[in-house]
């Protein structure tokens, strides 16, 4: 089961960049942004500001996974960083 990578352009801190993610991650970002009453672009900006040296696409995937685990009440795996 594979999902195609979808590349989208966004503006972060006044700079245009493109982000490549699988469609389920884009859909999850839209759901999280809607729930938090913000735009997807603003949510990506928040993730970008908190990511440190991590690749932005990877940071987004980890953010989505962390959000899901928190909603399910599932603790992070042993050795995983906690926010």
PDB file of N, CA and C in Angstrom:
ATOM      1  N   UNK A   1       0.852  -1.167   0.000  1.00  0.00           N
ATOM      2  CA  UNK A   1       0.000   0.000   0.000  1.00  0.00           C
ATOM      3  C   UNK A   1       0.900   1.232   0.000  1.00  0.00           C
ATOM      4  N   UNK A   2       0.900   1.961  -1.091  1.00  0.00           N
ATOM      5  CA  UNK A   2       1.708   3.168  -1.173  1.00  0.00           C
ATOM      6  C   UNK A   2       0.842   4.376  -1.426  1.00  0.00           C
ATOM      7  N   UNK A   3       1.323   5.496  -0.999  1.00  0.00           N
ATOM      8  CA  UNK A   3       0.634   6.758  -1.224  1.00  0.00           C
ATOM      9  C   UNK A   3       1.562   7.664  -2.010  1.00  0.00           C
ATOM     10  N   UNK A   4       1.028   8.307  -3.007  1.00  0.00           N
ATOM     11  CA  UNK A   4       1.823   9.223  -3.818  1.00  0.00           C
ATOM     12  C   UNK A   4       2.230  10.436  -2.990  1.00  0.00           C
ATOM     13  N   UNK A   5       3.418  10.927  -3.282  1.00  0.00           N
ATOM     14  CA  UNK A   5       3.902  12.161  -2.666  1.00  0.00           C
ATOM     15  C   UNK A   5       3.249  13.336  -3.398  1.00  0.00           C
ATOM     16  N   UNK A   6       2.726  14.260  -2.618  1.00  0.00           N
ATOM     17  CA  UNK A   6       2.104  15.459  -3.176  1.00  0.00           C
ATOM     18  C   UNK A   6       2.949  16.652  -2.757  1.00  0.00           C
ATOM     19  N   UNK A   7       3.382  17.442  -3.730  1.00  0.00           N
ATOM     20  CA  UNK A   7       4.203  18.613  -3.454  1.00  0.00           C
ATOM     21  C   UNK A   7       3.327  19.855  -3.517  1.00  0.00           C
ATOM     22  N   UNK A   8       3.393  20.675  -2.458  1.00  0.00           N
ATOM     23  CA  UNK A   8       2.611  21.911  -2.411  1.00  0.00           C
ATOM     24  C   UNK A   8       3.532  23.057  -2.019  1.00  0.00           C
ATOM     25  N   UNK A   9       3.219  24.238  -2.529  1.00  0.00           N
ATOM     26  CA  UNK A   9       3.978  25.440  -2.190  1.00  0.00           C
ATOM     27  C   UNK A   9       3.264  26.185  -1.071  1.00  0.00           C
ATOM     28  N   UNK A  10       4.042  26.661  -0.124  1.00  0.00           N
ATOM     29  CA  UNK A  10       3.510  27.456   0.982  1.00  0.00           C
ATOM     30  C   UNK A  10       4.460  28.623   1.241  1.00  0.00           C
ATOM     31  N   UNK A  11       3.956  29.608   1.937  1.00  0.00           N
ATOM     32  CA  UNK A  11       4.772  30.745   2.338  1.00  0.00           C
ATOM     33  C   UNK A  11       4.974  30.672   3.844  1.00  0.00           C
ATOM     34  N   UNK A  12       6.233  30.635   4.259  1.00  0.00           N
ATOM     35  CA  UNK A  12       6.578  30.562   5.681  1.00  0.00           C
ATOM     36  C   UNK A  12       7.482  31.740   5.992  1.00  0.00           C
ATOM     37  N   UNK A  13       7.060  32.559   6.932  1.00  0.00           N
ATOM     38  CA  UNK A  13       7.831  33.736   7.345  1.00  0.00           C
ATOM     39  C   UNK A  13       8.224  34.583   6.132  1.00  0.00           C
ATOM     40  N   UNK A  14       7.287  34.711   5.186  1.00  0.00           N
ATOM     41  CA  UNK A  14       7.527  35.550   4.023  1.00  0.00           C
ATOM     42  C   UNK A  14       8.329  34.911   2.909  1.00  0.00           C
ATOM     43  N   UNK A  15       8.683  33.650   3.041  1.00  0.00           N
ATOM     44  CA  UNK A  15       9.453  32.950   2.017  1.00  0.00           C
ATOM     45  C   UNK A  15       8.646  31.791   1.455  1.00  0.00           C
ATOM     46  N   UNK A  16       8.635  31.656   0.132  1.00  0.00           N
ATOM     47  CA  UNK A  16       7.951  30.540  -0.511  1.00  0.00           C
ATOM     48  C   UNK A  16       8.845  29.311  -0.447  1.00  0.00           C
ATOM     49  N   UNK A  17       8.229  28.179  -0.151  1.00  0.00           N
ATOM     50  CA  UNK A  17       8.939  26.910  -0.157  1.00  0.00           C
ATOM     51  C   UNK A  17       7.956  25.830  -0.582  1.00  0.00           C
ATOM     52  N   UNK A  18       8.472  24.716  -1.023  1.00  0.00           N
ATOM     53  CA  UNK A  18       7.590  23.606  -1.364  1.00  0.00           C
ATOM     54  C   UNK A  18       7.831  22.469  -0.389  1.00  0.00           C
ATOM     55  N   UNK A  19       6.758  21.781  -0.093  1.00  0.00           N
ATOM     56  CA  UNK A  19       6.790  20.682   0.874  1.00  0.00           C
ATOM     57  C   UNK A  19       6.214  19.448   0.197  1.00  0.00           C
ATOM     58  N   UNK A  20       6.899  18.339   0.331  1.00  0.00           N
ATOM     59  CA  UNK A  20       6.450  17.067  -0.239  1.00  0.00           C
ATOM     60  C   UNK A  20       6.008  16.145   0.884  1.00  0.00           C
ATOM     61  N   UNK A  21       4.731  15.754   0.847  1.00  0.00           N
ATOM     62  CA  UNK A  21       4.161  14.846   1.841  1.00  0.00           C
ATOM     63  C   UNK A  21       3.180  13.908   1.150  1.00  0.00           C
ATOM     64  N   UNK A  22       2.965  12.773   1.746  1.00  0.00           N
ATOM     65  CA  UNK A  22       1.926  11.867   1.272  1.00  0.00           C
ATOM     66  C   UNK A  22       0.560  12.498   1.565  1.00  0.00           C
ATOM     67  N   UNK A  23      -0.431  12.224   0.724  1.00  0.00           N
ATOM     68  CA  UNK A  23      -1.758  12.834   0.863  1.00  0.00           C
ATOM     69  C   UNK A  23      -2.381  12.631   2.252  1.00  0.00           C
ATOM     70  N   UNK A  24      -2.236  11.451   2.896  1.00  0.00           N
ATOM     71  CA  UNK A  24      -2.823  11.327   4.240  1.00  0.00           C
ATOM     72  C   UNK A  24      -2.256  12.350   5.241  1.00  0.00           C
ATOM     73  N   UNK A  25      -1.001  12.751   5.075  1.00  0.00           N
ATOM     74  CA  UNK A  25      -0.447  13.767   5.974  1.00  0.00           C
ATOM     75  C   UNK A  25      -1.024  15.143   5.660  1.00  0.00           C
ATOM     76  N   UNK A  26      -1.218  15.446   4.370  1.00  0.00           N
ATOM     77  CA  UNK A  26      -1.877  16.706   4.023  1.00  0.00           C
ATOM     78  C   UNK A  26      -3.293  16.751   4.603  1.00  0.00           C
ATOM     79  N   UNK A  27      -4.013  15.645   4.478  1.00  0.00           N
ATOM     80  CA  UNK A  27      -5.378  15.583   5.009  1.00  0.00           C
ATOM     81  C   UNK A  27      -5.383  15.767   6.527  1.00  0.00           C
ATOM     82  N   UNK A  28      -4.443  15.138   7.201  1.00  0.00           N
ATOM     83  CA  UNK A  28      -4.360  15.278   8.663  1.00  0.00           C
ATOM     84  C   UNK A  28      -4.007  16.703   9.053  1.00  0.00           C
ATOM     85  N   UNK A  29      -3.103  17.338   8.309  1.00  0.00           N
ATOM     86  CA  UNK A  29      -2.775  18.736   8.590  1.00  0.00           C
ATOM     87  C   UNK A  29      -4.008  19.619   8.455  1.00  0.00           C
ATOM     88  N   UNK A  30      -4.805  19.392   7.415  1.00  0.00           N
ATOM     89  CA  UNK A  30      -6.042  20.174   7.234  1.00  0.00           C
ATOM     90  C   UNK A  30      -6.989  19.964   8.414  1.00  0.00           C
ATOM     91  N   UNK A  31      -7.129  18.723   8.873  1.00  0.00           N
ATOM     92  CA  UNK A  31      -8.009  18.433  10.006  1.00  0.00           C
ATOM     93  C   UNK A  31      -7.522  19.116  11.283  1.00  0.00           C
ATOM     94  N   UNK A  32      -6.222  19.051  11.533  1.00  0.00           N
ATOM     95  CA  UNK A  32      -5.658  19.671  12.737  1.00  0.00           C
ATOM     96  C   UNK A  32      -5.833  21.182  12.672  1.00  0.00           C
ATOM     97  N   UNK A  33      -5.544  21.770  11.512  1.00  0.00           N
ATOM     98  CA  UNK A  33      -5.686  23.223  11.351  1.00  0.00           C
ATOM     99  C   UNK A  33      -7.134  23.652  11.563  1.00  0.00           C
ATOM    100  N   UNK A  34      -8.061  22.895  11.005  1.00  0.00           N
ATOM    101  CA  UNK A  34      -9.481  23.217  11.187  1.00  0.00           C
ATOM    102  C   UNK A  34      -9.864  23.117  12.659  1.00  0.00           C
ATOM    103  N   UNK A  35      -9.433  22.062  13.311  1.00  0.00           N
ATOM    104  CA  UNK A  35      -9.739  21.873  14.729  1.00  0.00           C
ATOM    105  C   UNK A  35      -9.187  23.025  15.571  1.00  0.00           C
ATOM    106  N   UNK A  36      -7.973  23.484  15.216  1.00  0.00           N
ATOM    107  CA  UNK A  36      -7.312  24.560  15.965  1.00  0.00           C
ATOM    108  C   UNK A  36      -7.682  25.949  15.449  1.00  0.00           C
ATOM    109  N   UNK A  37      -8.619  25.985  14.488  1.00  0.00           N
ATOM    110  CA  UNK A  37      -9.126  27.241  13.922  1.00  0.00           C
ATOM    111  C   UNK A  37      -8.001  28.118  13.379  1.00  0.00           C
ATOM    112  N   UNK A  38      -7.184  27.498  12.534  1.00  0.00           N
ATOM    113  CA  UNK A  38      -6.106  28.223  11.880  1.00  0.00           C
ATOM    114  C   UNK A  38      -5.936  27.681  10.472  1.00  0.00           C
ATOM    115  N   UNK A  39      -5.203  28.391   9.653  1.00  0.00           N
ATOM    116  CA  UNK A  39      -4.955  27.922   8.297  1.00  0.00           C
ATOM    117  C   UNK A  39      -3.863  26.850   8.318  1.00  0.00           C
ATOM    118  N   UNK A  40      -3.835  26.041   7.279  1.00  0.00           N
ATOM    119  CA  UNK A  40      -2.774  25.034   7.151  1.00  0.00           C
ATOM    120  C   UNK A  40      -1.421  25.744   7.087  1.00  0.00           C
ATOM    121  N   UNK A  41      -1.377  26.853   6.364  1.00  0.00           N
ATOM    122  CA  UNK A  41      -0.125  27.603   6.249  1.00  0.00           C
ATOM    123  C   UNK A  41       0.351  28.094   7.618  1.00  0.00           C
ATOM    124  N   UNK A  42      -0.553  28.593   8.454  1.00  0.00           N
ATOM    125  CA  UNK A  42      -0.178  29.041   9.802  1.00  0.00           C
ATOM    126  C   UNK A  42       0.297  27.867  10.649  1.00  0.00           C
ATOM    127  N   UNK A  43      -0.357  26.725  10.519  1.00  0.00           N
ATOM    128  CA  UNK A  43       0.056  25.531  11.257  1.00  0.00           C
ATOM    129  C   UNK A  43       1.447  25.095  10.827  1.00  0.00           C
ATOM    130  N   UNK A  44       1.705  25.097   9.532  1.00  0.00           N
ATOM    131  CA  UNK A  44       3.039  24.736   9.035  1.00  0.00           C
ATOM    132  C   UNK A  44       4.071  25.737   9.548  1.00  0.00           C
ATOM    133  N   UNK A  45       3.710  27.013   9.621  1.00  0.00           N
ATOM    134  CA  UNK A  45       4.614  28.022  10.173  1.00  0.00           C
ATOM    135  C   UNK A  45       4.956  27.735  11.623  1.00  0.00           C
ATOM    136  N   UNK A  46       3.965  27.298  12.398  1.00  0.00           N
ATOM    137  CA  UNK A  46       4.209  26.942  13.802  1.00  0.00           C
ATOM    138  C   UNK A  46       5.130  25.738  13.911  1.00  0.00           C
ATOM    139  N   UNK A  47       4.885  24.731  13.075  1.00  0.00           N
ATOM    140  CA  UNK A  47       5.742  23.541  13.074  1.00  0.00           C
ATOM    141  C   UNK A  47       7.159  23.935  12.677  1.00  0.00           C
ATOM    142  N   UNK A  48       7.279  24.777  11.662  1.00  0.00           N
ATOM    143  CA  UNK A  48       8.585  25.230  11.191  1.00  0.00           C
ATOM    144  C   UNK A  48       9.354  25.937  12.306  1.00  0.00           C
ATOM    145  N   UNK A  49       8.668  26.783  13.061  1.00  0.00           N
ATOM    146  CA  UNK A  49       9.325  27.546  14.129  1.00  0.00           C
ATOM    147  C   UNK A  49       9.846  26.637  15.243  1.00  0.00           C
ATOM    148  N   UNK A  50       9.230  25.479  15.429  1.00  0.00           N
ATOM    149  CA  UNK A  50       9.595  24.572  16.522  1.00  0.00           C
ATOM    150  C   UNK A  50      10.485  23.405  16.100  1.00  0.00           C
ATOM    151  N   UNK A  51      10.843  23.307  14.829  1.00  0.00           N
ATOM    152  CA  UNK A  51      11.486  22.086  14.336  1.00  0.00           C
ATOM    153  C   UNK A  51      12.989  21.990  14.559  1.00  0.00           C
ATOM    154  N   UNK A  52      13.645  23.081  14.876  1.00  0.00           N
ATOM    155  CA  UNK A  52      15.098  23.033  15.049  1.00  0.00           C
ATOM    156  C   UNK A  52      15.779  22.684  13.733  1.00  0.00           C
ATOM    157  N   UNK A  53      16.672  21.700  13.765  1.00  0.00           N
ATOM    158  CA  UNK A  53      17.430  21.308  12.571  1.00  0.00           C
ATOM    159  C   UNK A  53      16.741  20.229  11.751  1.00  0.00           C
ATOM    160  N   UNK A  54      15.584  19.776  12.196  1.00  0.00           N
ATOM    161  CA  UNK A  54      14.877  18.693  11.517  1.00  0.00           C
ATOM    162  C   UNK A  54      14.323  19.159  10.168  1.00  0.00           C
ATOM    163  N   UNK A  55      14.379  18.294   9.178  1.00  0.00           N
ATOM    164  CA  UNK A  55      13.778  18.536   7.872  1.00  0.00           C
ATOM    165  C   UNK A  55      12.300  18.873   8.057  1.00  0.00           C
ATOM    166  N   UNK A  56      11.785  19.879   7.321  1.00  0.00           N
ATOM    167  CA  UNK A  56      10.409  20.328   7.527  1.00  0.00           C
ATOM    168  C   UNK A  56       9.387  19.227   7.237  1.00  0.00           C
ATOM    169  N   UNK A  57       9.558  18.486   6.158  1.00  0.00           N
ATOM    170  CA  UNK A  57       8.608  17.406   5.862  1.00  0.00           C
ATOM    171  C   UNK A  57       8.598  16.368   6.975  1.00  0.00           C
ATOM    172  N   UNK A  58       9.766  16.033   7.486  1.00  0.00           N
ATOM    173  CA  UNK A  58       9.850  15.081   8.596  1.00  0.00           C
ATOM    174  C   UNK A  58       9.207  15.652   9.851  1.00  0.00           C
ATOM    175  N   UNK A  59       9.452  16.930  10.119  1.00  0.00           N
ATOM    176  CA  UNK A  59       8.868  17.581  11.295  1.00  0.00           C
ATOM    177  C   UNK A  59       7.343  17.559  11.219  1.00  0.00           C
ATOM    178  N   UNK A  60       6.798  17.758  10.024  1.00  0.00           N
ATOM    179  CA  UNK A  60       5.344  17.728   9.855  1.00  0.00           C
ATOM    180  C   UNK A  60       4.808  16.323  10.120  1.00  0.00           C
ATOM    181  N   UNK A  61       5.481  15.305   9.587  1.00  0.00           N
ATOM    182  CA  UNK A  61       5.035  13.923   9.815  1.00  0.00           C
ATOM    183  C   UNK A  61       5.059  13.582  11.299  1.00  0.00           C
ATOM    184  N   UNK A  62       6.122  13.977  11.995  1.00  0.00           N
ATOM    185  CA  UNK A  62       6.228  13.702  13.432  1.00  0.00           C
ATOM    186  C   UNK A  62       5.154  14.471  14.186  1.00  0.00           C
ATOM    187  N   UNK A  63       4.894  15.712  13.792  1.00  0.00           N
ATOM    188  CA  UNK A  63       3.852  16.512  14.431  1.00  0.00           C
ATOM    189  C   UNK A  63       2.491  15.833  14.304  1.00  0.00           C
ATOM    190  N   UNK A  64       2.171  15.380  13.095  1.00  0.00           N
ATOM    191  CA  UNK A  64       0.884  14.711  12.865  1.00  0.00           C
ATOM    192  C   UNK A  64       0.793  13.432  13.695  1.00  0.00           C
ATOM    193  N   UNK A  65       1.856  12.650  13.710  1.00  0.00           N
ATOM    194  CA  UNK A  65       1.863  11.412  14.494  1.00  0.00           C
ATOM    195  C   UNK A  65       1.713  11.711  15.985  1.00  0.00           C
ATOM    196  N   UNK A  66       2.430  12.715  16.476  1.00  0.00           N
ATOM    197  CA  UNK A  66       2.347  13.090  17.890  1.00  0.00           C
ATOM    198  C   UNK A  66       0.941  13.553  18.243  1.00  0.00           C
ATOM    199  N   UNK A  67       0.327  14.343  17.368  1.00  0.00           N
ATOM    200  CA  UNK A  67      -1.040  14.804  17.599  1.00  0.00           C
ATOM    201  C   UNK A  67      -1.994  13.617  17.693  1.00  0.00           C
ATOM    202  N   UNK A  68      -1.860  12.674  16.789  1.00  0.00           N
ATOM    203  CA  UNK A  68      -2.715  11.485  16.802  1.00  0.00           C
ATOM    204  C   UNK A  68      -2.517  10.678  18.084  1.00  0.00           C
ATOM    205  N   UNK A  69      -1.260  10.462  18.470  1.00  0.00           N
ATOM    206  CA  UNK A  69      -0.983   9.686  19.681  1.00  0.00           C
ATOM    207  C   UNK A  69      -1.573  10.385  20.910  1.00  0.00           C
ATOM    208  N   UNK A  70      -1.480  11.705  20.968  1.00  0.00           N
ATOM    209  CA  UNK A  70      -2.046  12.441  22.103  1.00  0.00           C
ATOM    210  C   UNK A  70      -3.562  12.304  22.146  1.00  0.00           C
ATOM    211  N   UNK A  71      -4.211  12.384  20.988  1.00  0.00           N
ATOM    212  CA  UNK A  71      -5.669  12.248  20.950  1.00  0.00           C
ATOM    213  C   UNK A  71      -6.102  10.843  21.334  1.00  0.00           C
ATOM    214  N   UNK A  72      -5.274   9.844  21.015  1.00  0.00           N
ATOM    215  CA  UNK A  72      -5.601   8.457  21.364  1.00  0.00           C
ATOM    216  C   UNK A  72      -5.177   8.097  22.781  1.00  0.00           C
ATOM    217  N   UNK A  73      -4.409   8.983  23.410  1.00  0.00           N
ATOM    218  CA  UNK A  73      -3.905   8.695  24.750  1.00  0.00           C
ATOM    219  C   UNK A  73      -2.812   7.643  24.747  1.00  0.00           C
ATOM    220  N   UNK A  74      -2.090   7.549  23.644  1.00  0.00           N
ATOM    221  CA  UNK A  74      -1.025   6.561  23.509  1.00  0.00           C
ATOM    222  C   UNK A  74       0.307   7.222  23.846  1.00  0.00           C
ATOM    223  N   UNK A  75       1.046   6.672  24.795  1.00  0.00           N
ATOM    224  CA  UNK A  75       2.335   7.271  25.129  1.00  0.00           C
ATOM    225  C   UNK A  75       3.322   7.096  23.983  1.00  0.00           C
ATOM    226  N   UNK A  76       4.303   8.008  23.892  1.00  0.00           N
ATOM    227  CA  UNK A  76       5.315   7.864  22.853  1.00  0.00           C
ATOM    228  C   UNK A  76       6.141   6.606  23.101  1.00  0.00           C
ATOM    229  N   UNK A  77       6.730   6.037  22.043  1.00  0.00           N
ATOM    230  CA  UNK A  77       7.570   4.855  22.240  1.00  0.00           C
ATOM    231  C   UNK A  77       8.770   5.186  23.120  1.00  0.00           C
ATOM    232  N   UNK A  78       9.333   4.184  23.750  1.00  0.00           N
ATOM    233  CA  UNK A  78      10.519   4.387  24.590  1.00  0.00           C
ATOM    234  C   UNK A  78      11.621   5.064  23.786  1.00  0.00           C
ATOM    235  N   UNK A  79      12.242   6.057  24.384  1.00  0.00           N
ATOM    236  CA  UNK A  79      13.337   6.761  23.736  1.00  0.00           C
ATOM    237  C   UNK A  79      12.897   7.904  22.852  1.00  0.00           C
ATOM    238  N   UNK A  80      11.606   8.070  22.648  1.00  0.00           N
ATOM    239  CA  UNK A  80      11.119   9.167  21.803  1.00  0.00           C
ATOM    240  C   UNK A  80      11.074  10.455  22.616  1.00  0.00           C
ATOM    241  N   UNK A  81      11.388  11.549  21.966  1.00  0.00           N
ATOM    242  CA  UNK A  81      11.337  12.858  22.628  1.00  0.00           C
ATOM    243  C   UNK A  81       9.892  13.225  22.892  1.00  0.00           C
ATOM    244  N   UNK A  82       9.645  13.835  24.037  1.00  0.00           N
ATOM    245  CA  UNK A  82       8.301  14.289  24.378  1.00  0.00           C
ATOM    246  C   UNK A  82       8.269  15.804  24.340  1.00  0.00           C
ATOM    247  N   UNK A  83       7.176  16.359  23.841  1.00  0.00           N
ATOM    248  CA  UNK A  83       7.015  17.828  23.795  1.00  0.00           C
ATOM    249  C   UNK A  83       6.440  18.340  25.066  1.00  0.00           C
TER     250      UNK A  83
END
